[in-house]
Protein backbone atom coordinates (compact mmCIF):
# COMPACT_ATOMS: atom_id res chain seq x y z
CA MET A 1 -24.83 -23.65 -17.63
CA THR A 2 -22.69 -22.49 -20.44
CA PRO A 3 -19.04 -23.45 -21.02
CA LYS A 4 -18.08 -19.98 -20.01
CA GLU A 5 -19.96 -20.18 -16.74
CA LYS A 6 -18.41 -23.44 -16.02
CA ARG A 7 -14.88 -21.92 -16.50
CA GLY A 8 -15.95 -19.22 -13.92
CA TRP A 9 -16.91 -21.79 -11.38
CA LEU A 10 -13.88 -23.94 -12.02
CA ALA A 11 -11.70 -20.89 -11.45
CA VAL A 12 -13.29 -20.56 -8.04
CA LEU A 13 -12.41 -24.31 -7.17
CA ALA A 14 -8.91 -23.77 -8.76
CA PHE A 15 -8.26 -20.64 -6.65
CA ILE A 16 -9.35 -22.33 -3.51
CA LEU A 17 -7.01 -25.23 -4.28
CA PHE A 18 -4.14 -22.88 -5.21
CA VAL A 19 -4.60 -20.95 -1.86
CA ILE A 20 -4.71 -24.29 0.25
CA ILE A 21 -1.52 -25.62 -1.49
CA ASN A 22 0.17 -22.38 -1.08
CA LYS A 23 -0.49 -22.09 2.65
CA GLN A 24 0.61 -25.96 3.06
CA MET A 25 3.79 -25.29 1.39
CA ILE A 26 4.55 -22.17 3.39
CA TYR A 27 3.79 -24.04 6.63
CA ASN A 28 5.64 -27.26 5.79
CA MET A 29 8.28 -26.43 3.26
CA PRO A 30 11.84 -26.99 4.75
CA SER A 31 13.24 -24.19 2.60
CA LEU A 32 10.92 -21.12 2.28
CA ASN A 33 13.57 -19.43 -0.07
CA LEU A 34 13.29 -22.38 -2.51
CA TYR A 35 9.52 -22.18 -2.56
CA TYR A 36 9.14 -18.22 -2.57
CA HIS A 37 11.84 -17.63 -5.11
CA ILE A 38 11.78 -20.58 -7.47
CA ILE A 39 8.78 -23.03 -7.02
CA ARG A 40 5.85 -20.48 -6.54
CA PRO A 41 7.02 -17.97 -9.30
CA LEU A 42 7.34 -20.88 -11.64
CA VAL A 43 3.86 -22.17 -10.91
CA CYS A 44 2.42 -18.64 -11.06
CA GLY A 45 4.05 -18.13 -14.42
CA ILE A 46 2.51 -21.13 -15.81
CA ILE A 47 -1.00 -20.05 -14.60
CA ILE A 48 -0.44 -16.52 -15.99
CA TYR A 49 0.77 -17.81 -19.45
CA PHE A 50 -2.42 -19.98 -19.79
CA PHE A 51 -4.72 -17.08 -18.63
CA PHE A 52 -3.39 -14.64 -21.27
CA LYS A 53 -3.50 -17.35 -23.89
CA GLN A 54 -7.02 -18.36 -23.26
CA SER A 55 -8.86 -15.45 -21.77
CA ARG A 56 -10.16 -12.40 -23.59
CA PRO A 57 -12.76 -10.89 -21.13
CA ILE A 58 -15.09 -8.14 -22.34
CA LEU A 59 -14.72 -5.22 -19.97
CA ASP A 60 -17.56 -3.09 -18.57
CA VAL A 61 -15.88 0.10 -19.70
CA SER A 62 -15.73 0.78 -23.39
CA LEU A 63 -12.49 1.29 -25.23
CA LYS A 64 -13.53 4.97 -25.79
CA TYR A 65 -13.27 5.60 -21.97
CA ARG A 66 -10.65 3.33 -21.02
CA TYR A 67 -8.19 6.11 -20.74
CA VAL A 68 -10.39 7.85 -18.23
CA LEU A 69 -10.33 4.64 -16.15
CA VAL A 70 -6.49 4.39 -16.30
CA THR A 71 -6.16 7.92 -15.34
CA PHE A 72 -8.44 7.77 -12.28
CA MET A 73 -6.80 4.41 -11.19
CA VAL A 74 -3.37 5.96 -11.27
CA ILE A 75 -4.57 8.95 -9.21
CA ILE A 76 -6.27 6.60 -6.61
CA ALA A 77 -3.05 4.59 -6.27
CA ILE A 78 -0.94 7.60 -5.87
CA LEU A 79 -3.27 9.15 -3.33
CA TYR A 80 -3.44 5.87 -1.40
CA VAL A 81 0.42 5.92 -0.90
CA ILE A 82 0.57 9.52 -0.03
CA THR A 83 -2.36 9.08 2.62
CA TYR A 84 -0.73 6.09 4.03
CA PHE A 85 2.59 7.84 4.63
CA MET A 86 0.85 11.04 5.93
CA LEU A 87 -0.79 8.99 8.48
CA GLY A 88 2.64 7.80 9.57
CA PHE A 89 3.46 11.40 10.57
CA ILE A 90 0.66 11.20 13.05
CA ASP A 91 1.10 7.69 14.39
CA GLY A 92 4.83 7.28 13.87
CA PHE A 93 7.12 5.08 11.71
CA GLY A 94 8.80 1.79 12.29
CA LYS A 95 11.48 -0.31 10.52
CA ASN A 96 10.48 -2.27 7.40
CA PRO A 97 10.63 -6.04 8.17
CA PHE A 98 11.44 -6.71 4.58
CA ASN A 99 14.97 -6.49 3.06
CA THR A 100 15.05 -3.05 1.18
CA THR A 101 18.60 -3.41 -0.32
CA PRO A 102 18.59 -3.54 -4.10
CA ARG A 103 19.03 -7.29 -3.98
CA GLY A 104 16.23 -7.64 -1.34
CA ILE A 105 13.89 -5.50 -3.42
CA GLY A 106 14.58 -7.66 -6.54
CA LEU A 107 13.80 -10.88 -4.60
CA ASN A 108 10.79 -9.37 -3.08
CA LEU A 109 9.46 -8.33 -6.52
CA LEU A 110 10.31 -11.83 -7.87
CA THR A 111 8.38 -13.45 -4.94
CA PHE A 112 5.20 -11.34 -4.99
CA ILE A 113 4.68 -9.74 -8.40
CA PRO A 114 3.92 -13.22 -10.03
CA PHE A 115 1.73 -14.14 -7.05
CA PHE A 116 -0.21 -10.91 -7.02
CA LEU A 117 -0.77 -11.27 -10.82
CA THR A 118 -1.88 -14.72 -10.51
CA LEU A 119 -4.50 -13.84 -7.97
CA GLU A 120 -5.74 -11.10 -10.19
CA CYS A 121 -5.97 -13.60 -13.18
CA PHE A 122 -8.17 -15.88 -11.04
CA ARG A 123 -10.34 -12.86 -10.02
CA SER A 124 -10.68 -11.73 -13.73
CA ILE A 125 -11.90 -15.23 -14.80
CA MET A 126 -14.36 -15.32 -12.11
CA VAL A 127 -16.07 -12.07 -12.62
CA HIS A 128 -16.01 -12.06 -16.37
CA SER A 129 -17.27 -15.61 -16.85
CA ILE A 130 -20.74 -15.27 -15.34
CA PRO A 131 -23.73 -13.53 -17.19
CA LYS A 132 -24.74 -10.16 -15.77
CA LYS A 133 -27.94 -11.53 -14.28
CA ARG A 134 -25.88 -13.71 -11.83
CA ARG A 135 -22.84 -11.47 -11.65
CA TYR A 136 -23.55 -10.28 -8.10
CA LEU A 137 -23.55 -13.91 -6.81
CA ILE A 138 -20.00 -14.55 -8.25
CA MET A 139 -18.76 -11.19 -7.09
CA THR A 140 -19.89 -12.00 -3.43
CA VAL A 141 -18.40 -15.40 -3.66
CA CYS A 142 -15.22 -13.78 -5.09
CA VAL A 143 -15.05 -11.30 -2.24
CA ILE A 144 -15.56 -14.00 0.39
CA ILE A 145 -13.06 -16.46 -0.85
CA PHE A 146 -10.30 -13.89 -1.44
CA THR A 147 -10.91 -12.39 1.92
CA LEU A 148 -10.71 -15.89 3.70
CA ALA A 149 -7.45 -16.61 1.70
CA GLU A 150 -5.70 -13.91 3.61
CA PHE A 151 -6.39 -15.39 7.00
CA ARG A 152 -5.63 -18.52 8.98
CA VAL A 153 -8.42 -20.63 10.58
CA SER A 154 -7.06 -19.66 14.03
CA ASP A 155 -7.76 -16.03 13.29
CA PHE A 156 -11.38 -16.84 13.23
CA THR A 157 -11.49 -19.37 15.96
CA GLY A 158 -9.67 -16.81 18.20
CA LEU A 159 -12.84 -14.63 18.00
CA LEU A 160 -14.56 -17.23 20.25
CA THR A 161 -11.84 -17.02 23.07
CA GLY A 162 -10.60 -13.47 22.52
CA THR A 163 -11.64 -10.45 24.45
CA LEU A 164 -14.25 -7.86 23.26
CA GLN A 165 -11.44 -5.42 22.58
CA SER A 166 -9.12 -7.86 20.64
CA ASN A 167 -12.12 -9.03 18.55
CA VAL A 168 -13.08 -5.38 17.74
CA GLN A 169 -9.51 -4.70 16.79
CA PHE A 170 -9.37 -7.80 14.53
CA ILE A 171 -12.61 -7.15 12.81
CA GLY A 172 -12.05 -3.36 12.53
CA SER A 173 -8.44 -3.26 11.46
CA GLU A 174 -8.03 -6.51 9.55
CA LEU A 175 -11.25 -8.33 8.53
CA MET A 176 -13.33 -5.41 7.40
CA PRO A 177 -10.45 -3.62 5.50
CA GLU A 178 -9.83 -6.89 3.66
CA ILE A 179 -13.45 -7.05 2.74
CA SER A 180 -13.52 -3.53 1.60
CA LYS A 181 -10.34 -3.96 -0.40
CA ASN A 182 -11.62 -7.17 -2.28
CA ILE A 183 -14.96 -5.37 -3.04
CA PHE A 184 -12.85 -2.66 -4.63
CA LEU A 185 -10.61 -5.03 -6.49
CA VAL A 186 -13.49 -7.12 -7.70
CA ASN A 187 -15.15 -3.95 -9.30
CA THR A 188 -11.84 -2.85 -10.61
CA SER A 189 -11.35 -6.14 -12.42
CA LEU A 190 -14.89 -5.93 -13.81
CA LEU A 191 -14.30 -2.45 -15.11
CA GLY A 192 -10.64 -2.66 -16.31
CA GLY A 193 -9.60 -6.25 -16.32
CA VAL A 194 -6.69 -7.88 -14.73
CA TRP A 195 -4.01 -5.18 -15.21
CA MET A 196 -6.16 -2.52 -13.56
CA SER A 197 -6.89 -4.68 -10.48
CA PHE A 198 -3.17 -5.78 -10.28
CA MET A 199 -2.13 -2.13 -10.34
CA MET A 200 -4.29 -1.56 -7.31
CA LYS A 201 -3.41 -4.75 -5.65
CA PHE A 202 0.30 -3.76 -5.95
CA ALA A 203 -0.62 -0.22 -4.57
CA PHE A 204 -2.24 -1.58 -1.58
CA GLU A 205 0.31 -4.21 -0.78
CA GLY A 206 3.58 -3.74 -2.79
CA MET A 207 4.82 -0.44 -1.44
CA ILE A 208 6.30 -2.20 1.55
CA PHE A 209 9.04 -3.62 -0.70
CA PHE A 210 10.75 -0.28 -1.45
CA PHE A 211 10.92 1.84 1.76
CA PRO A 212 13.36 1.20 4.70
CA VAL A 213 10.80 2.79 7.07
CA LEU A 214 7.00 2.36 7.04
CA PRO A 215 4.12 4.01 9.03
CA ASN A 216 3.48 2.20 12.26
CA LEU A 217 -0.24 2.76 12.28
CA LYS A 218 -2.49 2.23 15.32
CA TRP A 219 -5.27 -0.30 14.82
CA ILE A 220 -7.93 2.38 14.79
CA THR A 221 -6.04 4.40 12.06
CA SER A 222 -5.71 1.13 10.00
CA ALA A 223 -9.35 0.46 10.38
CA LEU A 224 -10.15 4.01 9.16
CA LEU A 225 -7.91 3.82 6.13
CA GLY A 226 -8.60 0.29 5.29
CA ASN A 227 -12.41 0.67 5.42
CA LEU A 228 -13.09 3.96 4.00
CA TYR A 229 -10.35 4.44 1.20
CA PRO A 230 -11.59 1.57 -0.91
CA VAL A 231 -15.20 2.42 -0.64
CA LEU A 232 -14.76 6.22 -1.21
CA SER A 233 -12.40 5.39 -4.26
CA LEU A 234 -15.01 3.08 -5.78
CA THR A 235 -17.57 5.74 -5.34
CA PHE A 236 -15.38 8.28 -7.02
CA LEU A 237 -14.28 5.83 -9.78
CA LYS A 238 -17.76 4.87 -10.83
CA ASN A 239 -19.18 8.23 -10.79
CA ALA A 240 -16.28 9.45 -12.94
CA ILE A 241 -16.75 6.55 -15.50
CA PHE A 242 -20.46 6.15 -15.62
CA THR A 243 -21.14 9.87 -15.81
CA ARG A 244 -19.60 9.75 -19.31
CA ASP A 245 -20.16 6.26 -20.38
CA ASN A 246 -23.50 5.10 -19.01
CA ARG A 247 -25.65 7.91 -17.67
CA ASP A 248 -28.77 5.76 -17.01
CA ARG A 249 -26.72 3.78 -14.46
CA ARG A 250 -25.41 6.78 -12.51
CA PRO A 251 -28.38 7.25 -9.98
CA ARG A 252 -28.32 3.54 -9.12
CA VAL A 253 -24.54 3.43 -8.63
CA THR A 254 -24.46 6.78 -6.73
CA SER A 255 -27.22 5.66 -4.24
CA HIS A 256 -25.46 2.27 -3.47
CA THR A 257 -21.93 3.70 -3.12
CA LEU A 258 -23.14 6.64 -1.05
CA SER A 259 -24.99 4.31 1.09
CA TRP A 260 -21.94 2.15 1.64
CA SER A 261 -19.78 5.10 2.47
CA LEU A 262 -22.23 6.46 5.02
CA THR A 263 -22.39 3.04 6.50
CA TYR A 264 -18.68 2.80 6.92
CA LEU A 265 -18.27 6.24 8.23
CA THR A 266 -20.97 5.54 10.86
CA GLY A 267 -19.34 2.19 11.83
CA ILE A 268 -15.94 3.85 12.16
CA ALA A 269 -17.41 6.64 14.19
CA VAL A 270 -19.13 4.12 16.54
CA VAL A 271 -15.83 2.25 16.90
CA TRP A 272 -13.90 5.33 17.71
CA PHE A 273 -16.59 6.37 20.29
CA ALA A 274 -16.55 2.94 21.85
CA VAL A 275 -12.85 2.76 22.33
CA GLY A 276 -12.52 6.22 23.77
CA LEU A 277 -10.88 8.16 21.03
CA PHE A 278 -13.43 11.09 21.32
CA PRO A 279 -13.63 13.37 24.23
CA ILE A 280 -16.83 11.66 25.25
CA PHE A 281 -16.92 7.88 25.49
CA PRO A 282 -19.00 5.10 26.96
CA THR A 283 -17.99 2.58 29.70
CA VAL A 284 -20.09 -0.54 30.73
CA ILE A 285 -20.53 -0.94 34.53
CA LEU A 286 -19.58 -4.51 35.42
CA THR A 287 -19.64 -4.48 39.24
CA GLY A 288 -22.00 -3.27 41.90
CA SER A 289 -19.86 -0.84 43.85
CA MET A 290 -21.69 2.20 42.66
CA GLU A 291 -25.29 0.91 43.48
CA PRO A 292 -27.79 2.48 43.65
CA VAL A 293 -26.51 5.10 41.31
CA MET A 294 -25.45 2.64 38.72
CA TYR A 295 -25.96 -1.09 38.46
CA PRO A 296 -24.08 -3.83 36.43
CA GLY A 297 -25.14 -3.54 32.93
CA ASP A 298 -25.55 0.35 32.90
CA VAL A 299 -23.51 2.51 30.66
CA ALA A 300 -21.59 5.36 32.06
CA ILE A 301 -20.97 8.23 29.61
CA MET A 302 -17.55 9.63 30.51
CA GLN A 303 -15.84 12.83 29.55
CA LYS A 304 -12.15 13.52 29.35
CA VAL A 305 -11.35 16.51 31.70
CA ASP A 306 -8.40 18.64 32.92
CA LYS A 307 -7.14 18.32 36.44
CA GLU A 308 -8.91 21.50 37.64
CA ASN A 309 -12.30 20.28 36.53
CA ILE A 310 -12.35 17.38 38.91
CA GLN A 311 -14.23 18.31 42.06
CA ILE A 312 -15.33 16.48 45.24
CA GLY A 313 -18.47 14.59 44.42
CA ASP A 314 -17.53 13.78 40.81
CA VAL A 315 -17.71 10.20 39.64
CA ILE A 316 -14.32 9.35 37.81
CA GLN A 317 -12.94 6.49 35.96
CA PHE A 318 -9.37 5.62 36.68
CA TRP A 319 -6.77 3.07 35.84
CA ALA A 320 -5.70 0.73 38.67
CA ASN A 321 -3.16 -1.89 37.80
CA ASP A 322 -4.90 -3.97 35.06
CA TYR A 323 -8.44 -2.56 35.09
CA PHE A 324 -10.48 0.67 35.23
CA ILE A 325 -12.48 1.66 38.30
CA ILE A 326 -15.51 3.96 38.34
CA HIS A 327 -15.79 5.49 41.90
CA ARG A 328 -16.71 8.93 43.43
CA VAL A 329 -14.15 11.53 44.65
CA VAL A 330 -14.82 12.07 48.38
CA GLN A 331 -11.55 14.03 49.23
CA ILE A 332 -8.71 15.74 47.31
CA GLU A 333 -5.50 15.69 49.23
CA ASP A 334 -2.14 17.00 47.97
CA GLY A 335 -3.33 16.85 44.37
CA LYS A 336 -4.54 13.27 44.73
CA TYR A 337 -8.16 11.90 44.79
CA ILE A 338 -9.49 9.78 47.58
CA THR A 339 -12.19 7.68 46.05
CA LYS A 340 -15.13 5.47 47.34
CA GLY A 341 -17.72 3.34 45.74
CA ASP A 342 -21.20 4.58 46.70
CA ASN A 343 -22.08 0.99 47.79
CA ASN A 344 -18.85 0.52 49.92
CA ASN A 345 -18.60 1.52 53.58
CA THR A 346 -14.95 2.43 53.38
CA GLU A 347 -12.83 4.51 51.10
CA ASP A 348 -10.43 3.01 48.60
CA SER A 349 -7.11 2.24 50.10
CA LYS A 350 -5.05 3.79 47.25
CA PRO A 351 -5.23 7.46 46.35
CA VAL A 352 -5.68 8.28 42.73
CA GLU A 353 -3.23 10.47 40.84
CA PHE A 354 -4.40 12.57 37.86
CA GLY A 355 -2.38 10.61 35.39
CA GLN A 356 -4.53 7.51 36.28
CA VAL A 357 -7.81 9.45 35.50
CA LYS A 358 -9.39 8.63 32.09
CA GLY A 359 -12.49 10.92 32.59
CA LYS A 360 -15.41 11.74 34.74
CA MET A 361 -18.97 10.69 34.44
CA ILE A 362 -21.43 13.09 32.84
CA TYR A 363 -24.50 10.82 32.32
CA SER A 364 -25.53 7.16 32.69
CA VAL A 365 -27.91 5.03 30.73
CA LYS A 366 -29.73 2.12 32.33
CA TYR A 367 -29.31 -1.48 30.97
CA LEU A 368 -27.64 -0.48 27.64
CA GLY A 369 -24.45 -2.44 28.43
CA THR A 370 -26.25 -5.76 29.42
CA PRO A 371 -25.08 -7.46 26.25
CA ALA A 372 -21.44 -6.73 27.17
CA LEU A 373 -21.92 -8.65 30.47
CA LEU A 374 -22.99 -11.74 28.59
CA MET A 375 -19.78 -11.51 26.32
CA ARG A 376 -17.39 -11.46 29.24
CA THR A 377 -14.46 -13.87 29.04
CA LYS A 378 -12.76 -15.71 31.85
CA THR A 379 -9.99 -13.19 31.81
CA GLN A 380 -12.37 -10.38 32.40
CA GLU A 381 -14.14 -12.20 35.15
CA THR A 382 -10.76 -12.85 36.86
CA LEU A 383 -10.00 -9.08 36.75
CA GLU A 384 -13.47 -8.42 38.14
CA ASP A 385 -12.78 -10.77 41.06
CA GLN A 386 -9.55 -8.86 41.66
CA VAL A 387 -11.45 -5.58 41.59
CA GLU A 388 -13.93 -6.74 44.26
CA GLU A 389 -11.05 -8.19 46.35
CA GLU A 390 -9.20 -4.82 46.38
CA TYR A 391 -11.84 -2.22 46.11
CA GLU A 392 -15.16 -3.63 47.37
CA LEU A 393 -14.06 -5.49 50.59
CA GLY A 394 -15.95 -2.72 52.65
CA ARG A 395 -19.26 -3.18 50.65
CA ASP A 396 -22.34 -3.83 52.74
């Protein structure tokens, strides 16, 4: 191992130590203002000084095309901010939790700019210290440790006790976007060095210091923006650079980035379908009230419908207190639906209003939802017991 490689792996260890100490100070420091405004900026300043004094990385993009990289990076940063706020007009806005007075903005910049730049110095040392034949290994390690640094251990242990929906939300809107962002920043650092990756880091996370109101995005919108934007930007950036600078690499880069883009698009589409944001969505059958038409573990394909499209005999999904029920409409009285499970010998005691209806069944698939039954939590099982108590007492 060459001295340069040793420096890269030492940077990995130093970064891990830096993150651990930073988290311990945040959780245990009596005065966070002292740490945020004095201690951490001072430590970060020392690290930045030694980085620029010792490090002279060789970038993947030649000086001849450096201006192209800078131009496209600025465009990507501006478009991200514009897209972020445009989505706010769809999902709504909320008050910025940070202090956005002139003094508050100054303190925020003092707190985070040295910290962000220090992170990008570590990232730059890592990716530029390893020979090209082993570069993908250090890039993978870099993505993993920078992603883990953004979360607490409890965030991951919570996956073992959380519900399926909460786990999907955490993975889709927090974990995967962080991975996508770090993949983008690693490649940015490799192409353009520490200042390019710092600029994008600040574009992704620094805008919150300046605006009194910020978009209050739904988790699925955050997942869409956080997963797709970095991947598509990386595709756009590499094609723009390597088309001019290194034509023999273009087909390989294009195929990989397009594959990742299609993977993310497919993944987001599946999540949107699963949580019911499309007009047609799936629901796993958890109880036996609709036997023999549907058994536990079957998946009902539901469709959102207007009130006039619900007829006697339709199987509908409706909200009842803390859970959804799938039963058949047996009567319509005064605009309300009287429902009954096919396996029950009495009608449901509570009429269903249209506002409770999520959709009606158009198709069912046998056994497809069986894995979901194996992932049920105690909370879900308690709700199912309540369903059986209130809606299945008449079942034979």
